[in-house]
Amino acid sequence: MSNTARTRRVALFNDLTARYSFAEAWAYDRFVAPAVMDIRDAVVDDYLADLPQGAGVLEVGCGGGQLAHAVIEQRPDLRWVGLDASKDQIERARRRNAGHQTA
């Protein structure tokens, strides 16, 4: 492994503001996001009931848009905006949520 690759791999875990490469974004989307979604019901459902009709939601660190997709399926009235440092993750989120109106 080159020093550049080793530095990049270590930086991924040390610098939370470092942008994901395409491969890192894919791996996150494929392996980490499903684990995060496993806890979604315990956290999100309590908040959904408290949001008024047509409320706006800002998700910082939206990844590939899995949470937005799951919530919008339950509450299509919400205006959802997702932010992520990874351009590749934003593209995944847009594709995953195509057809849903976004703010």
Protein backbone atom coordinates (compact mmCIF):
# COMPACT_ATOMS: atom_id res chain seq x y z
CA MET A 1 0.00 0.00 0.00
CA SER A 2 1.40 3.39 -0.93
CA ASN A 3 1.92 6.11 1.66
CA THR A 4 -0.78 8.17 -0.06
CA ALA A 5 -3.33 5.35 0.18
CA ARG A 6 -2.36 4.64 3.80
CA THR A 7 -2.67 8.33 4.68
CA ARG A 8 -6.06 8.51 2.96
CA ARG A 9 -7.35 5.45 4.82
CA VAL A 10 -6.20 6.83 8.18
CA ALA A 11 -7.57 10.30 7.35
CA LEU A 12 -11.02 8.81 6.80
CA PHE A 13 -11.16 7.93 10.49
CA ASN A 14 -9.33 10.98 11.85
CA ASP A 15 -10.84 13.82 9.86
CA LEU A 16 -14.60 13.72 9.93
CA THR A 17 -14.70 16.56 7.42
CA ALA A 18 -12.72 14.61 4.80
CA ARG A 19 -14.80 13.93 1.70
CA TYR A 20 -15.53 10.32 0.85
CA SER A 21 -14.12 8.91 -2.34
CA PHE A 22 -16.51 7.08 -4.65
CA ALA A 23 -15.48 3.72 -3.12
CA GLU A 24 -15.88 5.00 0.44
CA ALA A 25 -19.30 6.46 -0.36
CA TRP A 26 -20.36 3.15 -1.91
CA ALA A 27 -19.11 1.16 1.10
CA TYR A 28 -20.91 3.49 3.51
CA ASP A 29 -24.11 3.26 1.49
CA ARG A 30 -23.87 -0.54 1.28
CA PHE A 31 -22.73 -1.51 4.79
CA VAL A 32 -22.94 1.31 7.35
CA ALA A 33 -26.26 2.90 6.35
CA PRO A 34 -28.28 -0.33 6.75
CA ALA A 35 -26.98 -0.68 10.31
CA VAL A 36 -27.97 2.92 11.05
CA MET A 37 -31.42 2.27 9.61
CA ASP A 38 -31.88 -0.59 12.07
CA ILE A 39 -32.18 1.99 14.87
CA ARG A 40 -34.36 4.37 12.87
CA ASP A 41 -37.67 3.21 14.30
CA ALA A 42 -36.56 3.76 17.87
CA VAL A 43 -35.42 7.31 17.18
CA VAL A 44 -37.42 8.81 14.34
CA ASP A 45 -40.98 7.66 14.91
CA ASP A 46 -41.20 9.61 18.18
CA TYR A 47 -40.24 12.82 16.36
CA LEU A 48 -42.47 12.31 13.33
CA ALA A 49 -45.60 12.48 15.44
CA ASP A 50 -44.54 15.89 16.77
CA LEU A 51 -43.83 17.50 13.39
CA PRO A 52 -46.65 19.66 12.05
CA GLN A 53 -48.06 19.12 8.58
CA GLY A 54 -45.65 20.44 5.92
CA ALA A 55 -42.75 20.91 8.33
CA GLY A 56 -39.23 21.33 7.01
CA VAL A 57 -36.47 18.96 8.09
CA LEU A 58 -32.72 19.51 7.69
CA GLU A 59 -30.64 16.34 7.81
CA VAL A 60 -26.94 17.07 8.22
CA GLY A 61 -24.81 14.13 7.10
CA CYS A 62 -27.59 12.58 5.02
CA GLY A 63 -25.37 10.01 3.34
CA GLY A 64 -27.17 8.26 0.52
CA GLY A 65 -30.62 9.44 1.60
CA GLN A 66 -31.86 6.24 3.24
CA LEU A 67 -33.36 8.03 6.23
CA ALA A 68 -35.03 10.64 4.04
CA HIS A 69 -36.53 7.90 1.88
CA ALA A 70 -37.90 5.99 4.86
CA VAL A 71 -39.37 9.09 6.49
CA ILE A 72 -40.85 10.55 3.30
CA GLU A 73 -42.61 7.23 2.70
CA GLN A 74 -44.39 7.76 6.04
CA ARG A 75 -44.73 11.55 5.84
CA PRO A 76 -44.82 12.74 2.22
CA ASP A 77 -45.95 16.17 3.45
CA LEU A 78 -42.50 16.95 4.90
CA ARG A 79 -40.01 19.15 3.08
CA TRP A 80 -36.66 17.38 3.48
CA VAL A 81 -33.25 18.91 2.84
CA GLY A 82 -30.17 16.73 3.14
CA LEU A 83 -26.57 17.92 3.39
CA ASP A 84 -23.48 15.78 3.06
CA ALA A 85 -19.79 16.45 2.46
CA SER A 86 -19.69 13.71 -0.17
CA LYS A 87 -20.81 14.63 -3.66
CA ASP A 88 -21.24 10.91 -4.43
CA GLN A 89 -23.54 10.45 -1.43
CA ILE A 90 -25.65 13.44 -2.47
CA GLU A 91 -26.04 11.91 -5.92
CA ARG A 92 -27.14 8.61 -4.34
CA ALA A 93 -29.64 10.48 -2.17
CA ARG A 94 -31.05 12.28 -5.21
CA ARG A 95 -31.44 9.04 -7.14
CA ARG A 96 -32.94 7.21 -4.16
CA ASN A 97 -35.48 9.98 -3.57
CA ALA A 98 -36.28 10.83 -7.18
CA GLY A 99 -39.93 11.61 -7.53
CA HIS A 100 -40.22 13.12 -4.08
CA GLN A 101 -40.39 16.88 -3.92
CA THR A 102 -37.43 18.38 -2.10
CA ALA A 103 -37.05 21.79 -0.56
